[in-house]
Amino acid sequence: MFCFSNFMTDILSHARIEQLRSWLQSIVGRYDLNLNSLAPASADASFRRYFRLESDTAYGAGY
């Protein structure tokens, strides 16, 4: 059964991920980020979302 609320949540969630990826793309070279490593860092029910991202070099490790 179609649920408009879930549909909108999925669309907004996708849009936010795309905004995050766009921002990360703007700093990828500075920190040698591996955008393919972007993954959720927690799965709680909080309104906040946390992500992990790896750097391809040790340069990004201190940031």
N, C-alpha and C. Protein backbone atom coordinates (compact mmCIF):
# COMPACT_ATOMS: atom_id res chain seq x y z
N MET A 1 0.84 -1.18 0.00
CA MET A 1 0.00 0.00 0.00
C MET A 1 0.88 1.25 0.00
N PHE A 2 0.52 2.21 -0.80
CA PHE A 2 1.27 3.45 -0.92
C PHE A 2 1.11 4.31 0.32
N CYS A 3 2.21 4.83 0.82
CA CYS A 3 2.18 5.72 1.98
C CYS A 3 2.89 7.03 1.59
N PHE A 4 2.12 8.09 1.46
CA PHE A 4 2.67 9.38 1.04
C PHE A 4 3.77 9.86 1.99
N SER A 5 3.58 9.68 3.28
CA SER A 5 4.57 10.12 4.27
C SER A 5 5.92 9.43 4.05
N ASN A 6 5.90 8.12 3.85
CA ASN A 6 7.15 7.39 3.60
C ASN A 6 7.76 7.82 2.27
N PHE A 7 6.92 8.04 1.29
CA PHE A 7 7.39 8.49 -0.02
C PHE A 7 8.13 9.82 0.11
N MET A 8 7.56 10.78 0.81
CA MET A 8 8.18 12.09 0.99
C MET A 8 9.46 11.98 1.81
N THR A 9 9.45 11.15 2.83
CA THR A 9 10.65 10.95 3.64
C THR A 9 11.78 10.40 2.78
N ASP A 10 11.47 9.44 1.92
CA ASP A 10 12.48 8.85 1.04
C ASP A 10 13.03 9.90 0.07
N ILE A 11 12.15 10.73 -0.50
CA ILE A 11 12.59 11.77 -1.43
C ILE A 11 13.48 12.78 -0.71
N LEU A 12 13.06 13.24 0.46
CA LEU A 12 13.84 14.22 1.21
C LEU A 12 15.17 13.62 1.65
N SER A 13 15.15 12.37 2.07
CA SER A 13 16.37 11.69 2.48
C SER A 13 17.35 11.63 1.31
N HIS A 14 16.85 11.25 0.14
CA HIS A 14 17.69 11.17 -1.05
C HIS A 14 18.25 12.55 -1.39
N ALA A 15 17.43 13.57 -1.30
CA ALA A 15 17.88 14.93 -1.60
C ALA A 15 18.98 15.36 -0.63
N ARG A 16 18.83 15.02 0.63
CA ARG A 16 19.85 15.39 1.63
C ARG A 16 21.16 14.67 1.37
N ILE A 17 21.08 13.41 0.99
CA ILE A 17 22.30 12.65 0.67
C ILE A 17 22.99 13.28 -0.54
N GLU A 18 22.21 13.67 -1.52
CA GLU A 18 22.79 14.31 -2.71
C GLU A 18 23.44 15.65 -2.34
N GLN A 19 22.83 16.40 -1.42
CA GLN A 19 23.44 17.65 -0.96
C GLN A 19 24.74 17.37 -0.23
N LEU A 20 24.75 16.34 0.60
CA LEU A 20 25.98 15.96 1.31
C LEU A 20 27.07 15.57 0.31
N ARG A 21 26.73 14.74 -0.66
CA ARG A 21 27.71 14.30 -1.66
C ARG A 21 28.23 15.50 -2.46
N SER A 22 27.36 16.44 -2.77
CA SER A 22 27.77 17.63 -3.51
C SER A 22 28.76 18.45 -2.70
N TRP A 23 28.48 18.64 -1.42
CA TRP A 23 29.39 19.39 -0.56
C TRP A 23 30.72 18.66 -0.42
N LEU A 24 30.66 17.35 -0.21
CA LEU A 24 31.89 16.57 -0.09
C LEU A 24 32.72 16.65 -1.37
N GLN A 25 32.04 16.66 -2.51
CA GLN A 25 32.74 16.77 -3.79
C GLN A 25 33.57 18.05 -3.85
N SER A 26 33.09 19.10 -3.19
CA SER A 26 33.80 20.38 -3.21
C SER A 26 35.09 20.35 -2.38
N ILE A 27 35.23 19.37 -1.49
CA ILE A 27 36.44 19.28 -0.66
C ILE A 27 37.19 17.96 -0.85
N VAL A 28 36.77 17.15 -1.82
CA VAL A 28 37.36 15.83 -2.01
C VAL A 28 38.86 15.90 -2.27
N GLY A 29 39.30 16.85 -3.07
CA GLY A 29 40.72 16.97 -3.38
C GLY A 29 41.55 17.45 -2.21
N ARG A 30 40.97 18.32 -1.42
CA ARG A 30 41.69 18.90 -0.28
C ARG A 30 42.07 17.84 0.75
N TYR A 31 41.17 16.88 0.97
CA TYR A 31 41.41 15.86 1.99
C TYR A 31 41.57 14.46 1.40
N ASP A 32 41.64 14.37 0.08
CA ASP A 32 41.79 13.09 -0.62
C ASP A 32 40.73 12.09 -0.17
N LEU A 33 39.49 12.54 -0.18
CA LEU A 33 38.38 11.72 0.31
C LEU A 33 37.99 10.63 -0.68
N ASN A 34 37.55 9.53 -0.15
CA ASN A 34 37.03 8.43 -0.94
C ASN A 34 35.51 8.46 -0.82
N LEU A 35 34.84 9.11 -1.76
CA LEU A 35 33.39 9.26 -1.68
C LEU A 35 32.65 7.93 -1.76
N ASN A 36 33.29 6.90 -2.32
CA ASN A 36 32.67 5.59 -2.38
C ASN A 36 32.58 4.93 -1.00
N SER A 37 33.31 5.48 -0.03
CA SER A 37 33.28 4.92 1.32
C SER A 37 32.20 5.54 2.20
N LEU A 38 31.45 6.50 1.68
CA LEU A 38 30.39 7.16 2.45
C LEU A 38 29.38 6.12 2.93
N ALA A 39 29.21 6.06 4.25
CA ALA A 39 28.31 5.06 4.84
C ALA A 39 27.73 5.59 6.15
N PRO A 40 26.55 5.13 6.53
CA PRO A 40 25.98 5.55 7.81
C PRO A 40 26.90 5.14 8.97
N ALA A 41 27.03 6.01 9.95
CA ALA A 41 27.86 5.71 11.12
C ALA A 41 27.02 5.24 12.30
N SER A 42 25.72 5.43 12.22
CA SER A 42 24.83 4.97 13.28
C SER A 42 23.47 4.67 12.68
N ALA A 43 22.72 3.87 13.38
CA ALA A 43 21.40 3.48 12.88
C ALA A 43 20.32 3.73 13.92
N ASP A 44 20.54 4.71 14.78
CA ASP A 44 19.53 4.98 15.80
C ASP A 44 18.35 5.73 15.19
N ALA A 45 17.35 5.97 15.99
CA ALA A 45 16.13 6.62 15.51
C ALA A 45 16.19 8.14 15.68
N SER A 46 17.35 8.66 15.92
CA SER A 46 17.50 10.09 16.11
C SER A 46 17.18 10.85 14.82
N PHE A 47 16.85 12.12 14.97
CA PHE A 47 16.61 12.95 13.78
C PHE A 47 17.93 13.32 13.12
N ARG A 48 19.03 13.15 13.85
CA ARG A 48 20.34 13.42 13.28
C ARG A 48 20.84 12.18 12.54
N ARG A 49 21.64 12.44 11.50
CA ARG A 49 22.23 11.33 10.76
C ARG A 49 23.72 11.53 10.74
N TYR A 50 24.45 10.48 11.03
CA TYR A 50 25.90 10.51 11.06
C TYR A 50 26.45 9.58 9.98
N PHE A 51 27.57 10.00 9.39
CA PHE A 51 28.17 9.23 8.32
C PHE A 51 29.66 9.08 8.54
N ARG A 52 30.21 8.02 7.98
CA ARG A 52 31.66 7.80 7.96
C ARG A 52 32.14 8.02 6.54
N LEU A 53 33.36 8.52 6.46
CA LEU A 53 33.97 8.74 5.17
C LEU A 53 35.46 8.52 5.32
N GLU A 54 36.05 7.77 4.43
CA GLU A 54 37.47 7.48 4.50
C GLU A 54 38.26 8.42 3.61
N SER A 55 39.51 8.61 3.99
CA SER A 55 40.45 9.35 3.17
C SER A 55 41.38 8.33 2.51
N ASP A 56 41.77 8.59 1.29
CA ASP A 56 42.68 7.67 0.59
C ASP A 56 44.11 7.80 1.06
N THR A 57 44.39 8.80 1.88
CA THR A 57 45.74 8.97 2.43
C THR A 57 45.63 9.29 3.91
N ALA A 58 46.74 9.29 4.59
CA ALA A 58 46.77 9.62 6.01
C ALA A 58 46.52 11.10 6.25
N TYR A 59 46.58 11.91 5.20
CA TYR A 59 46.39 13.36 5.33
C TYR A 59 45.07 13.70 6.02
N GLY A 60 44.02 13.02 5.66
CA GLY A 60 42.72 13.32 6.20
C GLY A 60 42.48 12.75 7.58
N ALA A 61 43.38 11.94 8.08
CA ALA A 61 43.16 11.24 9.35
C ALA A 61 43.03 12.19 10.54
N GLY A 62 43.67 13.33 10.50
CA GLY A 62 43.65 14.24 11.64
C GLY A 62 42.50 15.22 11.61
N TYR A 63 41.62 15.14 10.66
CA TYR A 63 40.55 16.12 10.52
C TYR A 63 39.21 15.55 10.83
